[in-house]
PDB file of N, CA and C in Angstrom:
ATOM      1  N   MET A   1       0.673  -0.823   0.069  1.00  0.00           N
ATOM      2  CA  MET A   1      -0.142   0.241   0.225  1.00  0.00           C
ATOM      3  C   MET A   1       0.973   1.615   0.063  1.00  0.00           C
ATOM      4  N   GLN A   2       1.858   1.165   0.680  1.00  0.00           N
ATOM      5  CA  GLN A   2       3.160   2.340   0.738  1.00  0.00           C
ATOM      6  C   GLN A   2       3.162   3.146  -0.487  1.00  0.00           C
ATOM      7  N   ARG A   3       3.623   1.501  -1.383  1.00  0.00           N
ATOM      8  CA  ARG A   3       4.055   1.968  -2.700  1.00  0.00           C
ATOM      9  C   ARG A   3       3.053   2.478  -3.483  1.00  0.00           C
ATOM     10  N   ARG A   4       2.045   2.379  -3.255  1.00  0.00           N
ATOM     11  CA  ARG A   4       1.074   2.849  -4.166  1.00  0.00           C
ATOM     12  C   ARG A   4       0.421   4.708  -4.169  1.00  0.00           C
ATOM     13  N   ILE A   5       1.156   4.403  -3.348  1.00  0.00           N
ATOM     14  CA  ILE A   5       0.937   6.008  -2.591  1.00  0.00           C
ATOM     15  C   ILE A   5       1.971   7.056  -2.154  1.00  0.00           C
ATOM     16  N   GLY A   6       2.663   6.133  -3.046  1.00  0.00           N
ATOM     17  CA  GLY A   6       4.065   7.518  -3.162  1.00  0.00           C
ATOM     18  C   GLY A   6       4.796   7.540  -2.160  1.00  0.00           C
ATOM     19  N   ASP A   7       5.165   6.717  -0.911  1.00  0.00           N
ATOM     20  CA  ASP A   7       5.989   7.337   0.112  1.00  0.00           C
ATOM     21  C   ASP A   7       7.141   6.156   0.686  1.00  0.00           C
ATOM     22  N   ARG A   8       7.696   6.573  -0.057  1.00  0.00           N
ATOM     23  CA  ARG A   8       8.690   5.859  -0.210  1.00  0.00           C
ATOM     24  C   ARG A   8       9.491   5.479   1.291  1.00  0.00           C
ATOM     25  N   SER A   9       9.314   6.802   1.739  1.00  0.00           N
ATOM     26  CA  SER A   9      10.235   6.792   3.572  1.00  0.00           C
ATOM     27  C   SER A   9       9.648   5.309   3.921  1.00  0.00           C
ATOM     28  N   ARG A  10       7.809   5.732   4.361  1.00  0.00           N
ATOM     29  CA  ARG A  10       7.150   4.508   4.739  1.00  0.00           C
ATOM     30  C   ARG A  10       7.337   3.583   4.672  1.00  0.00           C
ATOM     31  N   GLU A  11       7.338   3.045   3.130  1.00  0.00           N
ATOM     32  CA  GLU A  11       7.526   1.701   2.455  1.00  0.00           C
ATOM     33  C   GLU A  11       8.916   0.988   3.068  1.00  0.00           C
ATOM     34  N   ALA A  12      10.293   1.918   3.092  1.00  0.00           N
ATOM     35  CA  ALA A  12      11.497   1.803   3.598  1.00  0.00           C
ATOM     36  C   ALA A  12      10.942   1.125   5.608  1.00  0.00           C
ATOM     37  N   THR A  13      10.306   2.077   5.709  1.00  0.00           N
ATOM     38  CA  THR A  13      10.000   1.931   7.402  1.00  0.00           C
ATOM     39  C   THR A  13       9.480   0.751   7.528  1.00  0.00           C
ATOM     40  N   ALA A  14       8.663   0.484   6.186  1.00  0.00           N
ATOM     41  CA  ALA A  14       7.984  -1.046   6.770  1.00  0.00           C
ATOM     42  C   ALA A  14       8.749  -2.276   6.418  1.00  0.00           C
ATOM     43  N   ILE A  15       9.397  -2.741   5.608  1.00  0.00           N
ATOM     44  CA  ILE A  15      10.099  -3.244   4.914  1.00  0.00           C
ATOM     45  C   ILE A  15      11.620  -2.979   5.946  1.00  0.00           C
ATOM     46  N   ASP A  16      12.064  -2.314   6.985  1.00  0.00           N
ATOM     47  CA  ASP A  16      12.695  -2.745   8.096  1.00  0.00           C
ATOM     48  C   ASP A  16      11.981  -3.024   9.589  1.00  0.00           C
ATOM     49  N   GLY A  17      10.615  -2.987   9.385  1.00  0.00           N
ATOM     50  CA  GLY A  17       9.955  -3.465  10.202  1.00  0.00           C
ATOM     51  C   GLY A  17       9.434  -5.124   9.956  1.00  0.00           C
ATOM     52  N   VAL A  18       9.268  -5.590   8.832  1.00  0.00           N
ATOM     53  CA  VAL A  18       9.646  -6.857   8.554  1.00  0.00           C
ATOM     54  C   VAL A  18      10.627  -7.456   8.524  1.00  0.00           C
ATOM     55  N   GLY A  19      12.043  -7.265   8.235  1.00  0.00           N
ATOM     56  CA  GLY A  19      13.386  -7.594   8.370  1.00  0.00           C
ATOM     57  C   GLY A  19      13.402  -7.744  10.278  1.00  0.00           C
ATOM     58  N   GLU A  20      12.513  -6.566  10.958  1.00  0.00           N
ATOM     59  CA  GLU A  20      12.203  -6.963  12.773  1.00  0.00           C
ATOM     60  C   GLU A  20      12.298  -8.230  12.931  1.00  0.00           C
ATOM     61  N   ALA A  21      10.378  -8.422  12.125  1.00  0.00           N
ATOM     62  CA  ALA A  21       9.895  -9.939  12.690  1.00  0.00           C
ATOM     63  C   ALA A  21      10.654 -10.994  11.983  1.00  0.00           C
ATOM     64  N   TYR A  22      11.315 -10.978  10.766  1.00  0.00           N
ATOM     65  CA  TYR A  22      11.888 -11.616  10.425  1.00  0.00           C
ATOM     66  C   TYR A  22      13.314 -12.597  11.762  1.00  0.00           C
ATOM     67  N   GLN A  23      13.802 -11.171  12.010  1.00  0.00           N
ATOM     68  CA  GLN A  23      14.831 -11.573  13.728  1.00  0.00           C
ATOM     69  C   GLN A  23      14.244 -11.726  14.392  1.00  0.00           C
ATOM     70  N   ASP A  24      13.117 -11.773  14.865  1.00  0.00           N
ATOM     71  CA  ASP A  24      12.134 -12.634  15.923  1.00  0.00           C
ATOM     72  C   ASP A  24      12.331 -13.636  16.306  1.00  0.00           C
ATOM     73  N   LEU A  25      12.269 -14.155  14.275  1.00  0.00           N
ATOM     74  CA  LEU A  25      11.867 -15.578  14.067  1.00  0.00           C
ATOM     75  C   LEU A  25      12.913 -16.557  14.011  1.00  0.00           C
ATOM     76  N   GLY A  26      13.828 -15.764  14.741  1.00  0.00           N
ATOM     77  CA  GLY A  26      15.122 -16.372  14.308  1.00  0.00           C
ATOM     78  C   GLY A  26      15.702 -16.619  12.868  1.00  0.00           C
ATOM     79  N   ARG A  27      15.537 -15.790  12.059  1.00  0.00           N
ATOM     80  CA  ARG A  27      15.837 -16.022  10.408  1.00  0.00           C
ATOM     81  C   ARG A  27      16.393 -14.448  10.186  1.00  0.00           C
ATOM     82  N   SER A  28      17.876 -14.660  10.220  1.00  0.00           N
ATOM     83  CA  SER A  28      18.453 -13.420  10.454  1.00  0.00           C
ATOM     84  C   SER A  28      19.223 -13.133   9.332  1.00  0.00           C
ATOM     85  N   ALA A  29      19.529 -13.907   8.507  1.00  0.00           N
ATOM     86  CA  ALA A  29      19.622 -13.599   6.952  1.00  0.00           C
ATOM     87  C   ALA A  29      18.641 -13.024   6.009  1.00  0.00           C
ATOM     88  N   GLU A  30      17.397 -13.925   6.088  1.00  0.00           N
ATOM     89  CA  GLU A  30      16.605 -13.070   5.549  1.00  0.00           C
ATOM     90  C   GLU A  30      16.324 -11.736   6.247  1.00  0.00           C
ATOM     91  N   ALA A  31      16.600 -12.261   7.294  1.00  0.00           N
ATOM     92  CA  ALA A  31      16.190 -10.280   8.394  1.00  0.00           C
ATOM     93  C   ALA A  31      17.306  -9.162   7.805  1.00  0.00           C
ATOM     94  N   ALA A  32      18.476  -9.563   7.126  1.00  0.00           N
ATOM     95  CA  ALA A  32      19.585  -9.006   6.991  1.00  0.00           C
ATOM     96  C   ALA A  32      19.474  -8.489   5.710  1.00  0.00           C
ATOM     97  N   ASP A  33      18.152  -9.151   4.609  1.00  0.00           N
ATOM     98  CA  ASP A  33      17.610  -8.531   3.629  1.00  0.00           C
ATOM     99  C   ASP A  33      17.071  -7.746   3.429  1.00  0.00           C
ATOM    100  N   PHE A  34      15.974  -7.513   4.416  1.00  0.00           N
ATOM    101  CA  PHE A  34      15.214  -6.573   4.038  1.00  0.00           C
ATOM    102  C   PHE A  34      15.861  -5.267   5.043  1.00  0.00           C
ATOM    103  N   HIS A  35      16.566  -5.242   6.094  1.00  0.00           N
ATOM    104  CA  HIS A  35      17.072  -4.291   6.772  1.00  0.00           C
ATOM    105  C   HIS A  35      17.652  -3.331   5.326  1.00  0.00           C
ATOM    106  N   ARG A  36      19.009  -4.360   4.807  1.00  0.00           N
ATOM    107  CA  ARG A  36      19.655  -3.775   3.522  1.00  0.00           C
ATOM    108  C   ARG A  36      18.840  -2.993   2.522  1.00  0.00           C
ATOM    109  N   GLN A  37      17.638  -3.454   2.058  1.00  0.00           N
ATOM    110  CA  GLN A  37      16.680  -2.540   1.386  1.00  0.00           C
ATOM    111  C   GLN A  37      16.183  -1.367   1.710  1.00  0.00           C
ATOM    112  N   ALA A  38      15.874  -1.589   3.267  1.00  0.00           N
ATOM    113  CA  ALA A  38      15.353  -0.337   3.798  1.00  0.00           C
ATOM    114  C   ALA A  38      16.446   0.566   4.355  1.00  0.00           C
ATOM    115  N   ALA A  39      17.359   0.170   4.557  1.00  0.00           N
ATOM    116  CA  ALA A  39      18.998   1.380   4.806  1.00  0.00           C
ATOM    117  C   ALA A  39      18.962   1.894   3.609  1.00  0.00           C
ATOM    118  N   ALA A  40      18.700   0.986   2.205  1.00  0.00           N
ATOM    119  CA  ALA A  40      19.758   2.023   0.903  1.00  0.00           C
ATOM    120  C   ALA A  40      18.545   2.747   0.658  1.00  0.00           C
ATOM    121  N   VAL A  41      17.160   2.400   0.874  1.00  0.00           N
ATOM    122  CA  VAL A  41      16.263   3.587   0.504  1.00  0.00           C
ATOM    123  C   VAL A  41      16.704   4.977   1.198  1.00  0.00           C
ATOM    124  N   HIS A  42      16.295   4.796   2.359  1.00  0.00           N
ATOM    125  CA  HIS A  42      16.774   5.910   3.143  1.00  0.00           C
ATOM    126  C   HIS A  42      17.790   6.592   2.764  1.00  0.00           C
ATOM    127  N   ARG A  43      18.796   5.717   2.591  1.00  0.00           N
ATOM    128  CA  ARG A  43      19.731   6.406   2.645  1.00  0.00           C
ATOM    129  C   ARG A  43      20.092   7.318   0.846  1.00  0.00           C
ATOM    130  N   ARG A  44      19.215   7.054  -0.030  1.00  0.00           N
ATOM    131  CA  ARG A  44      19.057   7.962  -1.408  1.00  0.00           C
ATOM    132  C   ARG A  44      17.897   8.832  -1.081  1.00  0.00           C
ATOM    133  N   LEU A  45      16.917   8.505   0.272  1.00  0.00           N
ATOM    134  CA  LEU A  45      16.364   9.643   0.385  1.00  0.00           C
ATOM    135  C   LEU A  45      16.622  10.545   1.376  1.00  0.00           C
ATOM    136  N   GLY A  46      18.227  10.513   1.644  1.00  0.00           N
ATOM    137  CA  GLY A  46      18.593  11.519   2.790  1.00  0.00           C
ATOM    138  C   GLY A  46      18.284  11.241   4.170  1.00  0.00           C
ATOM    139  N   ASP A  47      17.535  10.008   4.387  1.00  0.00           N
ATOM    140  CA  ASP A  47      16.886  10.758   5.437  1.00  0.00           C
ATOM    141  C   ASP A  47      18.310   9.321   6.432  1.00  0.00           C
ATOM    142  N   SER A  48      18.653  10.411   7.277  1.00  0.00           N
ATOM    143  CA  SER A  48      19.982   9.651   7.865  1.00  0.00           C
ATOM    144  C   SER A  48      19.317   9.407   9.283  1.00  0.00           C
ATOM    145  N   TRP A  49      19.150   9.549   9.774  1.00  0.00           N
ATOM    146  CA  TRP A  49      18.230   8.936  11.076  1.00  0.00           C
ATOM    147  C   TRP A  49      17.407   7.324  10.706  1.00  0.00           C
ATOM    148  N   GLN A  50      16.934   7.651  10.266  1.00  0.00           N
ATOM    149  CA  GLN A  50      16.171   6.377   9.648  1.00  0.00           C
ATOM    150  C   GLN A  50      17.207   5.446   8.757  1.00  0.00           C
ATOM    151  N   ALA A  51      17.903   5.583   8.113  1.00  0.00           N
ATOM    152  CA  ALA A  51      19.167   4.865   7.652  1.00  0.00           C
ATOM    153  C   ALA A  51      19.855   4.506   8.540  1.00  0.00           C
ATOM    154  N   ALA A  52      20.374   5.002  10.190  1.00  0.00           N
ATOM    155  CA  ALA A  52      21.235   4.627  10.614  1.00  0.00           C
ATOM    156  C   ALA A  52      19.734   3.937  12.064  1.00  0.00           C
ATOM    157  N   VAL A  53      19.059   3.650  11.732  1.00  0.00           N
ATOM    158  CA  VAL A  53      18.057   2.612  12.316  1.00  0.00           C
ATOM    159  C   VAL A  53      18.046   1.534  11.724  1.00  0.00           C
ATOM    160  N   ALA A  54      18.027   1.741  10.844  1.00  0.00           N
ATOM    161  CA  ALA A  54      17.821   0.222   9.589  1.00  0.00           C
ATOM    162  C   ALA A  54      19.164  -0.267   9.442  1.00  0.00           C
ATOM    163  N   LEU A  55      20.060   0.450   9.564  1.00  0.00           N
ATOM    164  CA  LEU A  55      21.557  -0.291   9.450  1.00  0.00           C
ATOM    165  C   LEU A  55      21.448  -0.969  10.969  1.00  0.00           C
ATOM    166  N   HIS A  56      21.144   0.179  12.201  1.00  0.00           N
ATOM    167  CA  HIS A  56      22.290  -0.849  13.715  1.00  0.00           C
ATOM    168  C   HIS A  56      20.809  -2.136  12.960  1.00  0.00           C
ATOM    169  N   ASN A  57      19.790  -2.435  12.801  1.00  0.00           N
ATOM    170  CA  ASN A  57      18.904  -3.567  13.082  1.00  0.00           C
ATOM    171  C   ASN A  57      20.038  -4.502  11.664  1.00  0.00           C
ATOM    172  N   LEU A  58      20.259  -4.315  10.752  1.00  0.00           N
ATOM    173  CA  LEU A  58      21.015  -4.634   9.504  1.00  0.00           C
ATOM    174  C   LEU A  58      23.034  -5.881  10.299  1.00  0.00           C
ATOM    175  N   ALA A  59      22.792  -4.569  11.148  1.00  0.00           N
ATOM    176  CA  ALA A  59      23.903  -5.180  11.910  1.00  0.00           C
ATOM    177  C   ALA A  59      23.915  -5.960  12.911  1.00  0.00           C
ATOM    178  N   THR A  60      22.576  -6.016  13.476  1.00  0.00           N
ATOM    179  CA  THR A  60      22.317  -6.850  14.861  1.00  0.00           C
ATOM    180  C   THR A  60      22.045  -9.033  13.617  1.00  0.00           C
ATOM    181  N   ALA A  61      21.503  -8.206  12.296  1.00  0.00           N
ATOM    182  CA  ALA A  61      20.808  -9.732  12.310  1.00  0.00           C
ATOM    183  C   ALA A  61      21.831 -10.317  11.093  1.00  0.00           C
ATOM    184  N   LEU A  62      23.050  -8.858  11.021  1.00  0.00           N
ATOM    185  CA  LEU A  62      24.622  -9.989  10.324  1.00  0.00           C
ATOM    186  C   LEU A  62      24.972 -10.709  11.713  1.00  0.00           C
ATOM    187  N   ALA A  63      25.246  -9.817  12.184  1.00  0.00           N
ATOM    188  CA  ALA A  63      26.183 -10.270  13.615  1.00  0.00           C
ATOM    189  C   ALA A  63      25.826 -11.842  14.138  1.00  0.00           C
ATOM    190  N   ALA A  64      24.239 -11.849  13.832  1.00  0.00           N
ATOM    191  CA  ALA A  64      23.786 -13.272  14.309  1.00  0.00           C
ATOM    192  C   ALA A  64      23.881 -14.632  13.632  1.00  0.00           C
ATOM    193  N   THR A  65      24.084 -14.195  11.651  1.00  0.00           N
ATOM    194  CA  THR A  65      24.714 -14.921  11.046  1.00  0.00           C
ATOM    195  C   THR A  65      26.256 -15.256  11.075  1.00  0.00           C
ATOM    196  N   GLY A  66      26.645 -14.652  12.355  1.00  0.00           N
ATOM    197  CA  GLY A  66      28.632 -15.006  12.136  1.00  0.00           C
ATOM    198  C   GLY A  66      28.918 -14.119  10.925  1.00  0.00           C
ATOM    199  N   ARG A  67      28.455 -13.092  10.363  1.00  0.00           N
ATOM    200  CA  ARG A  67      29.205 -12.125   9.687  1.00  0.00           C
ATOM    201  C   ARG A  67      29.514 -10.530  10.616  1.00  0.00           C
ATOM    202  N   GLU A  68      30.571 -10.718  11.547  1.00  0.00           N
ATOM    203  CA  GLU A  68      31.117  -9.993  12.557  1.00  0.00           C
ATOM    204  C   GLU A  68      31.762  -8.678  11.683  1.00  0.00           C
ATOM    205  N   ALA A  69      32.801  -9.030  10.887  1.00  0.00           N
ATOM    206  CA  ALA A  69      33.241  -8.084   9.896  1.00  0.00           C
ATOM    207  C   ALA A  69      32.652  -7.077   9.058  1.00  0.00           C
ATOM    208  N   GLU A  70      31.521  -7.560   8.274  1.00  0.00           N
ATOM    209  CA  GLU A  70      29.605  -6.428   7.811  1.00  0.00           C
ATOM    210  C   GLU A  70      29.679  -6.286   9.198  1.00  0.00           C
ATOM    211  N   ALA A  71      29.282  -6.933   9.876  1.00  0.00           N
ATOM    212  CA  ALA A  71      28.628  -5.691  11.175  1.00  0.00           C
ATOM    213  C   ALA A  71      29.172  -5.218  11.549  1.00  0.00           C
ATOM    214  N   LEU A  72      30.535  -4.801  12.022  1.00  0.00           N
ATOM    215  CA  LEU A  72      31.211  -3.762  12.326  1.00  0.00           C
ATOM    216  C   LEU A  72      31.265  -2.813  11.584  1.00  0.00           C
ATOM    217  N   SER A  73      31.525  -2.905  10.184  1.00  0.00           N
ATOM    218  CA  SER A  73      31.578  -2.049   9.232  1.00  0.00           C
ATOM    219  C   SER A  73      30.035  -0.934   9.233  1.00  0.00           C
ATOM    220  N   VAL A  74      28.957  -2.079   9.224  1.00  0.00           N
ATOM    221  CA  VAL A  74      27.119  -1.379   9.276  1.00  0.00           C
ATOM    222  C   VAL A  74      27.473  -0.822   9.913  1.00  0.00           C
ATOM    223  N   ARG A  75      27.777  -0.462  11.477  1.00  0.00           N
ATOM    224  CA  ARG A  75      27.957  -0.382  12.454  1.00  0.00           C
ATOM    225  C   ARG A  75      28.303   1.117  12.722  1.00  0.00           C
ATOM    226  N   GLN A  76      29.914   1.268  12.522  1.00  0.00           N
ATOM    227  CA  GLN A  76      30.426   2.372  12.253  1.00  0.00           C
ATOM    228  C   GLN A  76      29.861   3.080  11.622  1.00  0.00           C
ATOM    229  N   GLU A  77      28.758   2.753   9.843  1.00  0.00           N
ATOM    230  CA  GLU A  77      28.095   4.143   9.502  1.00  0.00           C
ATOM    231  C   GLU A  77      26.819   4.124  10.032  1.00  0.00           C
ATOM    232  N   ALA A  78      26.342   3.592  10.852  1.00  0.00           N
ATOM    233  CA  ALA A  78      25.494   3.862  11.551  1.00  0.00           C
ATOM    234  C   ALA A  78      25.735   5.043  12.827  1.00  0.00           C
ATOM    235  N   LEU A  79      27.121   5.175  13.108  1.00  0.00           N
ATOM    236  CA  LEU A  79      27.548   6.231  14.129  1.00  0.00           C
ATOM    237  C   LEU A  79      27.657   6.904  13.234  1.00  0.00           C
ATOM    238  N   THR A  80      28.269   7.119  12.021  1.00  0.00           N
ATOM    239  CA  THR A  80      28.252   8.350  11.344  1.00  0.00           C
ATOM    240  C   THR A  80      27.504   9.019  11.052  1.00  0.00           C
ATOM    241  N   LEU A  81      26.536   8.784  10.988  1.00  0.00           N
ATOM    242  CA  LEU A  81      25.353   9.209  10.851  1.00  0.00           C
ATOM    243  C   LEU A  81      24.478   9.959  11.796  1.00  0.00           C
ATOM    244  N   LEU A  82      24.910   9.088  13.018  1.00  0.00           N
ATOM    245  CA  LEU A  82      23.963   9.424  14.317  1.00  0.00           C
ATOM    246  C   LEU A  82      24.544  11.083  14.965  1.00  0.00           C
ATOM    247  N   SER A  83      25.943  10.611  14.209  1.00  0.00           N
ATOM    248  CA  SER A  83      26.533  12.116  14.738  1.00  0.00           C
ATOM    249  C   SER A  83      26.225  13.324  14.825  1.00  0.00           C
ATOM    250  N   ARG A  84      25.181  13.414  13.951  1.00  0.00           N
ATOM    251  CA  ARG A  84      24.102  14.861  13.067  1.00  0.00           C
ATOM    252  C   ARG A  84      23.311  14.915  14.431  1.00  0.00           C
ATOM    253  N   PHE A  85      22.909  13.904  15.146  1.00  0.00           N
ATOM    254  CA  PHE A  85      21.794  14.021  16.195  1.00  0.00           C
ATOM    255  C   PHE A  85      22.445  14.341  17.499  1.00  0.00           C
ATOM    256  N   GLU A  86      21.226  15.158  18.080  1.00  0.00           N
ATOM    257  CA  GLU A  86      22.007  15.279  18.966  1.00  0.00           C
ATOM    258  C   GLU A  86      20.987  14.932  20.748  1.00  0.00           C
ATOM    259  N   ASP A  87      19.978  14.310  19.903  1.00  0.00           N
ATOM    260  CA  ASP A  87      18.764  14.311  21.123  1.00  0.00           C
ATOM    261  C   ASP A  87      19.119  12.506  21.701  1.00  0.00           C
ATOM    262  N   ASP A  88      18.069  12.483  23.258  1.00  0.00           N
ATOM    263  CA  ASP A  88      17.796  11.559  23.582  1.00  0.00           C
ATOM    264  C   ASP A  88      17.759  10.159  23.002  1.00  0.00           C
ATOM    265  N   ARG A  89      16.759   9.874  21.485  1.00  0.00           N
ATOM    266  CA  ARG A  89      16.908   8.902  20.757  1.00  0.00           C
ATOM    267  C   ARG A  89      18.266   8.625  20.901  1.00  0.00           C
ATOM    268  N   ALA A  90      18.729   9.343  19.516  1.00  0.00           N
ATOM    269  CA  ALA A  90      19.773   9.165  19.164  1.00  0.00           C
ATOM    270  C   ALA A  90      21.235   8.918  19.874  1.00  0.00           C
ATOM    271  N   ALA A  91      21.014   8.793  21.506  1.00  0.00           N
ATOM    272  CA  ALA A  91      22.292   8.654  22.145  1.00  0.00           C
ATOM    273  C   ALA A  91      22.357   7.252  22.563  1.00  0.00           C
ATOM    274  N   ASP A  92      20.675   7.397  22.770  1.00  0.00           N
ATOM    275  CA  ASP A  92      20.370   5.805  23.456  1.00  0.00           C
ATOM    276  C   ASP A  92      20.738   4.768  22.276  1.00  0.00           C
ATOM    277  N   LEU A  93      19.994   5.083  21.230  1.00  0.00           N
ATOM    278  CA  LEU A  93      20.898   4.393  19.688  1.00  0.00           C
ATOM    279  C   LEU A  93      22.307   4.324  19.762  1.00  0.00           C
ATOM    280  N   ARG A  94      22.744   5.238  19.949  1.00  0.00           N
ATOM    281  CA  ARG A  94      24.321   5.312  19.940  1.00  0.00           C
ATOM    282  C   ARG A  94      25.323   4.427  21.020  1.00  0.00           C
ATOM    283  N   GLU A  95      23.978   4.468  21.980  1.00  0.00           N
ATOM    284  CA  GLU A  95      25.043   3.670  23.157  1.00  0.00           C
ATOM    285  C   GLU A  95      25.287   1.945  22.769  1.00  0.00           C
ATOM    286  N   GLN A  96      23.715   1.376  22.491  1.00  0.00           N
ATOM    287  CA  GLN A  96      23.233   0.636  21.855  1.00  0.00           C
ATOM    288  C   GLN A  96      24.508   0.012  21.156  1.00  0.00           C
ATOM    289  N   ILE A  97      24.556   0.736  19.882  1.00  0.00           N
ATOM    290  CA  ILE A  97      25.936   0.526  18.917  1.00  0.00           C
ATOM    291  C   ILE A  97      27.025   0.001  19.700  1.00  0.00           C
ATOM    292  N   GLU A  98      27.370   0.956  20.429  1.00  0.00           N
ATOM    293  CA  GLU A  98      28.836   1.408  21.200  1.00  0.00           C
ATOM    294  C   GLU A  98      28.903  -0.333  22.052  1.00  0.00           C
ATOM    295  N   ARG A  99      27.591  -0.367  22.608  1.00  0.00           N
ATOM    296  CA  ARG A  99      27.856  -2.277  23.670  1.00  0.00           C
ATOM    297  C   ARG A  99      28.016  -3.043  22.334  1.00  0.00           C
ATOM    298  N   ALA A 100      26.963  -3.158  21.438  1.00  0.00           N
ATOM    299  CA  ALA A 100      27.422  -3.718  20.610  1.00  0.00           C
ATOM    300  C   ALA A 100      29.047  -4.013  20.074  1.00  0.00           C
ATOM    301  N   LEU A 101      29.464  -2.962  19.738  1.00  0.00           N
ATOM    302  CA  LEU A 101      31.128  -2.992  19.444  1.00  0.00           C
ATOM    303  C   LEU A 101      32.117  -3.567  20.340  1.00  0.00           C
ATOM    304  N   THR A 102      31.832  -3.346  21.794  1.00  0.00           N
ATOM    305  CA  THR A 102      32.692  -4.049  22.717  1.00  0.00           C
ATOM    306  C   THR A 102      32.485  -5.444  22.981  1.00  0.00           C
ATOM    307  N   PRO A 103      33.683  -5.993  22.867  1.00  0.00           N
ATOM    308  CA  PRO A 103      33.942  -7.205  22.784  1.00  0.00           C
ATOM    309  C   PRO A 103      33.409  -7.316  24.583  1.00  0.00           C
TER     310      PRO A 103
END
């Protein structure tokens, strides 16, 4: 439905949500595909916040599939995007990512 009304941002957010559902089901490889799609759309739209959220979700899915090196790179990109934001939500997300980076 979101594609029909032309709202690519909402469509990408919905795709990211599908990825979260797959992650919750333990289907991390499939979840990663959805998160990657969502992040790409948000990047094209210039939506740094939503791209960072999708990248965080992508990194979580990648780590669950044993792709730690790729997850590290994705987390670093998310942190770079988050550096533009100073609000509490951004601080919380940065903290979550930084915890994931700590062995």
